Amino acid sequence: MKYTVRRVNILPLAKFGFILGGLALVLPGVMCGVMTTQLISALRVLLDKLATSQADLGMVGQVPFDFINILGLEATQQLVVTLDNQAMSVALLVVLVSVIGGGALIGGTIWLLGLAYNLVAAVTGGIEVELQSK
């Protein structure tokens, strides 16, 4: 028996791609979440050091400088402190965005491929499949 696939339903293709893309990006999302929290923590340490640093002015000696105020980084420091205090929430948000974004990207790509197949099949007649019963 020979059958011809002239058209595929692209909505199930997109759903399948979304699920596969989301599953494929769980582990990379977790890794990105952990690295993001580590980066935020390191940035907090750096900003704390800038806030309590001292400059050596030679004969005058050590003079404390608050580089955070001098550079106008108060809002940035407050944001970094808040994000560092909520590290688990930040990590989960990064994982969630990665999974949903990856699912949407893969699902959209597979949807476009299905659409392209339908257009090409309309012109060429589609793929012919031969089935054999046992």
N, C-alpha and C. Protein backbone atom coordinates (compact mmCIF):
# COMPACT_ATOMS: atom_id res chain seq x y z
N MET A 1 0.84 -1.18 0.00
CA MET A 1 0.00 0.00 0.00
C MET A 1 0.88 1.24 0.00
N LYS A 2 0.53 2.17 -0.83
CA LYS A 2 1.26 3.42 -0.89
C LYS A 2 0.34 4.56 -0.46
N TYR A 3 0.90 5.43 0.37
CA TYR A 3 0.15 6.61 0.82
C TYR A 3 1.00 7.84 0.56
N THR A 4 0.34 8.95 0.40
CA THR A 4 1.04 10.21 0.19
C THR A 4 0.69 11.17 1.32
N VAL A 5 1.72 11.71 1.95
CA VAL A 5 1.52 12.71 3.01
C VAL A 5 1.53 14.07 2.33
N ARG A 6 0.35 14.64 2.15
CA ARG A 6 0.23 15.91 1.43
C ARG A 6 0.18 17.10 2.36
N ARG A 7 -0.20 16.84 3.58
CA ARG A 7 -0.32 17.96 4.53
C ARG A 7 -0.15 17.40 5.94
N VAL A 8 0.54 18.17 6.80
CA VAL A 8 0.64 17.82 8.21
C VAL A 8 -0.04 18.91 9.02
N ASN A 9 -0.62 18.52 10.14
CA ASN A 9 -1.26 19.48 11.04
C ASN A 9 -0.16 20.16 11.86
N ILE A 10 0.00 21.45 11.68
CA ILE A 10 1.14 22.13 12.29
C ILE A 10 0.95 22.47 13.76
N LEU A 11 -0.29 22.53 14.27
CA LEU A 11 -0.49 22.83 15.69
C LEU A 11 0.07 21.72 16.59
N PRO A 12 -0.22 20.43 16.33
CA PRO A 12 0.43 19.39 17.15
C PRO A 12 1.94 19.39 17.02
N LEU A 13 2.45 19.74 15.84
CA LEU A 13 3.90 19.84 15.69
C LEU A 13 4.47 20.90 16.62
N ALA A 14 3.80 22.05 16.68
CA ALA A 14 4.26 23.14 17.54
C ALA A 14 4.20 22.74 19.02
N LYS A 15 3.13 22.07 19.43
CA LYS A 15 3.01 21.61 20.82
C LYS A 15 4.15 20.64 21.15
N PHE A 16 4.37 19.69 20.26
CA PHE A 16 5.43 18.71 20.45
C PHE A 16 6.80 19.40 20.55
N GLY A 17 7.05 20.37 19.67
CA GLY A 17 8.31 21.11 19.71
C GLY A 17 8.45 21.92 20.98
N PHE A 18 7.35 22.52 21.46
CA PHE A 18 7.40 23.30 22.69
C PHE A 18 7.77 22.42 23.87
N ILE A 19 7.15 21.25 23.94
CA ILE A 19 7.45 20.33 25.06
C ILE A 19 8.89 19.83 24.97
N LEU A 20 9.32 19.43 23.77
CA LEU A 20 10.70 18.95 23.62
C LEU A 20 11.71 20.06 23.92
N GLY A 21 11.45 21.26 23.43
CA GLY A 21 12.36 22.37 23.68
C GLY A 21 12.44 22.71 25.16
N GLY A 22 11.28 22.69 25.83
CA GLY A 22 11.28 22.96 27.27
C GLY A 22 12.05 21.92 28.06
N LEU A 23 11.82 20.65 27.71
CA LEU A 23 12.54 19.57 28.41
C LEU A 23 14.04 19.63 28.14
N ALA A 24 14.39 19.97 26.91
CA ALA A 24 15.81 20.02 26.55
C ALA A 24 16.55 21.13 27.28
N LEU A 25 15.83 22.18 27.69
CA LEU A 25 16.50 23.31 28.32
C LEU A 25 16.34 23.35 29.84
N VAL A 26 15.86 22.28 30.46
CA VAL A 26 15.78 22.27 31.92
C VAL A 26 17.18 22.31 32.53
N LEU A 27 18.05 21.40 32.14
CA LEU A 27 19.40 21.36 32.71
C LEU A 27 20.21 22.62 32.40
N PRO A 28 20.25 23.10 31.14
CA PRO A 28 20.94 24.37 30.89
C PRO A 28 20.33 25.53 31.67
N GLY A 29 19.02 25.51 31.86
CA GLY A 29 18.37 26.55 32.65
C GLY A 29 18.79 26.53 34.10
N VAL A 30 18.91 25.34 34.66
CA VAL A 30 19.38 25.21 36.05
C VAL A 30 20.82 25.72 36.17
N MET A 31 21.65 25.35 35.20
CA MET A 31 23.04 25.82 35.22
C MET A 31 23.10 27.34 35.11
N CYS A 32 22.30 27.92 34.24
CA CYS A 32 22.26 29.38 34.11
C CYS A 32 21.75 30.04 35.38
N GLY A 33 20.75 29.41 36.01
CA GLY A 33 20.23 29.95 37.27
C GLY A 33 21.28 29.98 38.36
N VAL A 34 22.02 28.89 38.48
CA VAL A 34 23.09 28.83 39.49
C VAL A 34 24.18 29.85 39.18
N MET A 35 24.58 29.92 37.91
CA MET A 35 25.63 30.88 37.54
C MET A 35 25.16 32.32 37.74
N THR A 36 23.89 32.59 37.49
CA THR A 36 23.36 33.94 37.70
C THR A 36 23.43 34.32 39.17
N THR A 37 23.03 33.41 40.05
CA THR A 37 23.08 33.73 41.48
C THR A 37 24.52 33.91 41.96
N GLN A 38 25.45 33.12 41.41
CA GLN A 38 26.86 33.27 41.77
C GLN A 38 27.40 34.63 41.30
N LEU A 39 27.01 35.02 40.10
CA LEU A 39 27.43 36.32 39.56
C LEU A 39 26.88 37.47 40.39
N ILE A 40 25.62 37.37 40.79
CA ILE A 40 25.02 38.41 41.62
C ILE A 40 25.73 38.49 42.97
N SER A 41 26.05 37.34 43.54
CA SER A 41 26.76 37.30 44.82
C SER A 41 28.15 37.94 44.70
N ALA A 42 28.86 37.63 43.63
CA ALA A 42 30.19 38.22 43.42
C ALA A 42 30.08 39.73 43.19
N LEU A 43 29.06 40.16 42.48
CA LEU A 43 28.86 41.59 42.25
C LEU A 43 28.54 42.31 43.56
N ARG A 44 27.80 41.65 44.45
CA ARG A 44 27.51 42.25 45.76
C ARG A 44 28.79 42.44 46.56
N VAL A 45 29.65 41.43 46.54
CA VAL A 45 30.93 41.52 47.26
C VAL A 45 31.76 42.68 46.70
N LEU A 46 31.82 42.78 45.37
CA LEU A 46 32.57 43.87 44.74
C LEU A 46 32.02 45.23 45.13
N LEU A 47 30.70 45.39 45.09
CA LEU A 47 30.10 46.68 45.44
C LEU A 47 30.29 46.99 46.92
N ASP A 48 30.25 45.97 47.78
CA ASP A 48 30.51 46.20 49.21
C ASP A 48 31.94 46.67 49.44
N LYS A 49 32.89 46.10 48.68
CA LYS A 49 34.28 46.53 48.80
C LYS A 49 34.46 47.97 48.32
N LEU A 50 33.73 48.31 47.24
CA LEU A 50 33.81 49.69 46.74
C LEU A 50 33.25 50.68 47.76
N ALA A 51 32.24 50.27 48.50
CA ALA A 51 31.62 51.17 49.48
C ALA A 51 32.52 51.40 50.69
N THR A 52 33.41 50.46 50.98
CA THR A 52 34.25 50.59 52.17
C THR A 52 35.73 50.70 51.83
N SER A 53 36.04 51.11 50.62
CA SER A 53 37.45 51.17 50.22
C SER A 53 38.11 52.44 50.73
N GLN A 54 39.44 52.39 50.74
CA GLN A 54 40.24 53.54 51.18
C GLN A 54 41.27 53.84 50.11
N ALA A 55 41.60 55.10 50.01
CA ALA A 55 42.61 55.52 49.04
C ALA A 55 43.83 56.02 49.80
N ASP A 56 44.99 55.71 49.28
CA ASP A 56 46.25 56.15 49.89
C ASP A 56 46.65 57.47 49.23
N LEU A 57 46.65 58.53 50.01
CA LEU A 57 46.99 59.85 49.50
C LEU A 57 48.41 60.28 49.88
N GLY A 58 49.28 59.31 50.02
CA GLY A 58 50.68 59.62 50.29
C GLY A 58 50.89 60.15 51.70
N MET A 59 51.24 61.43 51.80
CA MET A 59 51.56 62.03 53.10
C MET A 59 50.33 62.15 53.99
N VAL A 60 49.16 62.25 53.39
CA VAL A 60 47.93 62.38 54.20
C VAL A 60 47.58 61.05 54.84
N GLY A 61 47.89 59.97 54.15
CA GLY A 61 47.60 58.63 54.68
C GLY A 61 46.36 58.03 54.02
N GLN A 62 45.82 57.06 54.69
CA GLN A 62 44.63 56.37 54.18
C GLN A 62 43.39 57.22 54.41
N VAL A 63 42.66 57.47 53.32
CA VAL A 63 41.43 58.26 53.40
C VAL A 63 40.29 57.39 52.89
N PRO A 64 39.22 57.24 53.67
CA PRO A 64 38.10 56.42 53.21
C PRO A 64 37.35 57.11 52.07
N PHE A 65 37.03 56.34 51.06
CA PHE A 65 36.25 56.84 49.93
C PHE A 65 35.06 55.91 49.74
N ASP A 66 33.91 56.51 49.55
CA ASP A 66 32.71 55.74 49.24
C ASP A 66 32.47 55.85 47.74
N PHE A 67 33.06 54.91 46.99
CA PHE A 67 32.96 54.96 45.54
C PHE A 67 31.53 54.74 45.04
N ILE A 68 30.72 54.11 45.86
CA ILE A 68 29.31 53.90 45.48
C ILE A 68 28.61 55.25 45.33
N ASN A 69 28.82 56.14 46.31
CA ASN A 69 28.21 57.48 46.23
C ASN A 69 28.87 58.32 45.14
N ILE A 70 30.18 58.22 45.03
CA ILE A 70 30.89 59.01 44.03
C ILE A 70 30.44 58.64 42.62
N LEU A 71 30.27 57.34 42.36
CA LEU A 71 29.88 56.87 41.02
C LEU A 71 28.36 56.82 40.82
N GLY A 72 27.60 57.12 41.85
CA GLY A 72 26.15 57.10 41.73
C GLY A 72 25.56 55.70 41.57
N LEU A 73 26.10 54.74 42.31
CA LEU A 73 25.68 53.35 42.18
C LEU A 73 24.79 52.88 43.33
N GLU A 74 24.16 53.81 44.04
CA GLU A 74 23.34 53.43 45.19
C GLU A 74 22.18 52.53 44.78
N ALA A 75 21.48 52.91 43.71
CA ALA A 75 20.33 52.12 43.25
C ALA A 75 20.78 50.74 42.76
N THR A 76 21.91 50.71 42.08
CA THR A 76 22.45 49.43 41.59
C THR A 76 22.82 48.53 42.76
N GLN A 77 23.46 49.11 43.77
CA GLN A 77 23.84 48.31 44.93
C GLN A 77 22.60 47.77 45.65
N GLN A 78 21.58 48.60 45.77
CA GLN A 78 20.35 48.14 46.43
C GLN A 78 19.69 47.01 45.64
N LEU A 79 19.68 47.13 44.32
CA LEU A 79 19.11 46.08 43.48
C LEU A 79 19.89 44.78 43.62
N VAL A 80 21.20 44.87 43.61
CA VAL A 80 22.05 43.68 43.73
C VAL A 80 21.85 43.03 45.10
N VAL A 81 21.74 43.82 46.14
CA VAL A 81 21.51 43.28 47.49
C VAL A 81 20.16 42.56 47.54
N THR A 82 19.13 43.17 46.96
CA THR A 82 17.80 42.56 46.94
C THR A 82 17.82 41.24 46.16
N LEU A 83 18.46 41.24 45.00
CA LEU A 83 18.54 40.02 44.20
C LEU A 83 19.35 38.94 44.90
N ASP A 84 20.42 39.33 45.59
CA ASP A 84 21.24 38.36 46.31
C ASP A 84 20.47 37.76 47.49
N ASN A 85 19.65 38.57 48.15
CA ASN A 85 18.84 38.07 49.25
C ASN A 85 17.74 37.11 48.76
N GLN A 86 17.34 37.25 47.52
CA GLN A 86 16.31 36.40 46.92
C GLN A 86 16.91 35.44 45.89
N ALA A 87 18.06 34.88 46.20
CA ALA A 87 18.81 34.07 45.24
C ALA A 87 18.01 32.88 44.71
N MET A 88 17.26 32.20 45.56
CA MET A 88 16.50 31.04 45.12
C MET A 88 15.40 31.46 44.14
N SER A 89 14.74 32.55 44.41
CA SER A 89 13.70 33.05 43.50
C SER A 89 14.30 33.46 42.17
N VAL A 90 15.46 34.09 42.19
CA VAL A 90 16.13 34.49 40.96
C VAL A 90 16.51 33.25 40.15
N ALA A 91 17.05 32.24 40.80
CA ALA A 91 17.44 31.01 40.10
C ALA A 91 16.23 30.33 39.47
N LEU A 92 15.14 30.24 40.22
CA LEU A 92 13.92 29.63 39.69
C LEU A 92 13.35 30.43 38.52
N LEU A 93 13.43 31.75 38.61
CA LEU A 93 12.95 32.59 37.52
C LEU A 93 13.79 32.39 36.26
N VAL A 94 15.09 32.29 36.42
CA VAL A 94 15.97 32.05 35.27
C VAL A 94 15.67 30.68 34.65
N VAL A 95 15.44 29.67 35.47
CA VAL A 95 15.10 28.34 34.95
C VAL A 95 13.78 28.40 34.20
N LEU A 96 12.79 29.05 34.78
CA LEU A 96 11.48 29.16 34.15
C LEU A 96 11.54 29.89 32.81
N VAL A 97 12.25 30.98 32.78
CA VAL A 97 12.39 31.75 31.53
C VAL A 97 13.14 30.92 30.49
N SER A 98 14.15 30.19 30.91
CA SER A 98 14.90 29.35 29.98
C SER A 98 14.03 28.25 29.39
N VAL A 99 13.26 27.60 30.23
CA VAL A 99 12.41 26.49 29.77
C VAL A 99 11.32 27.01 28.83
N ILE A 100 10.65 28.08 29.21
CA ILE A 100 9.58 28.63 28.37
C ILE A 100 10.16 29.21 27.09
N GLY A 101 11.26 29.93 27.20
CA GLY A 101 11.88 30.51 26.01
C GLY A 101 12.39 29.45 25.05
N GLY A 102 13.04 28.43 25.58
CA GLY A 102 13.53 27.34 24.74
C GLY A 102 12.39 26.57 24.10
N GLY A 103 11.33 26.34 24.87
CA GLY A 103 10.17 25.67 24.30
C GLY A 103 9.53 26.48 23.19
N ALA A 104 9.42 27.79 23.40
CA ALA A 104 8.84 28.65 22.36
C ALA A 104 9.72 28.69 21.12
N LEU A 105 11.02 28.73 21.32
CA LEU A 105 11.95 28.78 20.19
C LEU A 105 11.89 27.48 19.37
N ILE A 106 11.98 26.35 20.03
CA ILE A 106 11.94 25.07 19.34
C ILE A 106 10.55 24.82 18.75
N GLY A 107 9.51 25.14 19.52
CA GLY A 107 8.15 24.97 19.01
C GLY A 107 7.89 25.83 17.79
N GLY A 108 8.35 27.07 17.82
CA GLY A 108 8.20 27.96 16.66
C GLY A 108 8.97 27.47 15.45
N THR A 109 10.15 26.95 15.71
CA THR A 109 10.96 26.42 14.60
C THR A 109 10.29 25.22 13.95
N ILE A 110 9.79 24.30 14.76
CA ILE A 110 9.13 23.12 14.21
C ILE A 110 7.82 23.52 13.53
N TRP A 111 7.12 24.51 14.06
CA TRP A 111 5.91 25.01 13.41
C TRP A 111 6.23 25.57 12.02
N LEU A 112 7.31 26.34 11.94
CA LEU A 112 7.72 26.87 10.64
C LEU A 112 8.12 25.77 9.66
N LEU A 113 8.80 24.74 10.16
CA LEU A 113 9.16 23.61 9.31
C LEU A 113 7.92 22.88 8.80
N GLY A 114 6.92 22.71 9.66
CA GLY A 114 5.67 22.09 9.22
C GLY A 114 4.96 22.93 8.19
N LEU A 115 4.97 24.24 8.40
CA LEU A 115 4.36 25.16 7.43
C LEU A 115 5.10 25.08 6.09
N ALA A 116 6.42 25.04 6.16
CA ALA A 116 7.22 24.93 4.93
C ALA A 116 6.94 23.61 4.23
N TYR A 117 6.82 22.52 5.00
CA TYR A 117 6.50 21.23 4.38
C TYR A 117 5.16 21.31 3.66
N ASN A 118 4.15 21.89 4.30
CA ASN A 118 2.83 21.99 3.67
C ASN A 118 2.89 22.79 2.37
N LEU A 119 3.68 23.85 2.36
CA LEU A 119 3.81 24.65 1.14
C LEU A 119 4.52 23.87 0.03
N VAL A 120 5.59 23.19 0.38
CA VAL A 120 6.33 22.41 -0.61
C VAL A 120 5.49 21.22 -1.07
N ALA A 121 4.77 20.58 -0.16
CA ALA A 121 3.94 19.43 -0.52
C ALA A 121 2.80 19.84 -1.44
N ALA A 122 2.29 21.06 -1.28
CA ALA A 122 1.23 21.54 -2.16
C ALA A 122 1.73 21.65 -3.60
N VAL A 123 3.00 21.95 -3.78
CA VAL A 123 3.58 22.09 -5.12
C VAL A 123 4.06 20.74 -5.66
N THR A 124 4.70 19.94 -4.82
CA THR A 124 5.33 18.70 -5.29
C THR A 124 4.48 17.46 -5.08
N GLY A 125 3.42 17.55 -4.32
CA GLY A 125 2.58 16.38 -4.08
C GLY A 125 2.86 15.68 -2.77
N GLY A 126 3.90 16.05 -2.06
CA GLY A 126 4.19 15.48 -0.75
C GLY A 126 5.09 14.27 -0.80
N ILE A 127 5.25 13.64 0.34
CA ILE A 127 6.10 12.46 0.48
C ILE A 127 5.25 11.22 0.29
N GLU A 128 5.76 10.30 -0.50
CA GLU A 128 5.06 9.04 -0.70
C GLU A 128 5.63 8.00 0.26
N VAL A 129 4.74 7.36 1.00
CA VAL A 129 5.13 6.36 1.99
C VAL A 129 4.54 5.02 1.57
N GLU A 130 5.37 3.99 1.58
CA GLU A 130 4.88 2.65 1.25
C GLU A 130 4.80 1.83 2.52
N LEU A 131 3.60 1.29 2.79
CA LEU A 131 3.38 0.49 3.98
C LEU A 131 3.22 -0.97 3.58
N GLN A 132 3.75 -1.86 4.40
CA GLN A 132 3.66 -3.28 4.13
C GLN A 132 3.05 -3.94 5.36
N SER A 133 2.02 -4.74 5.16
CA SER A 133 1.42 -5.45 6.29
C SER A 133 2.13 -6.77 6.49
N LYS A 134 2.20 -7.23 7.72
CA LYS A 134 2.91 -8.47 8.04
C LYS A 134 2.03 -9.65 7.88
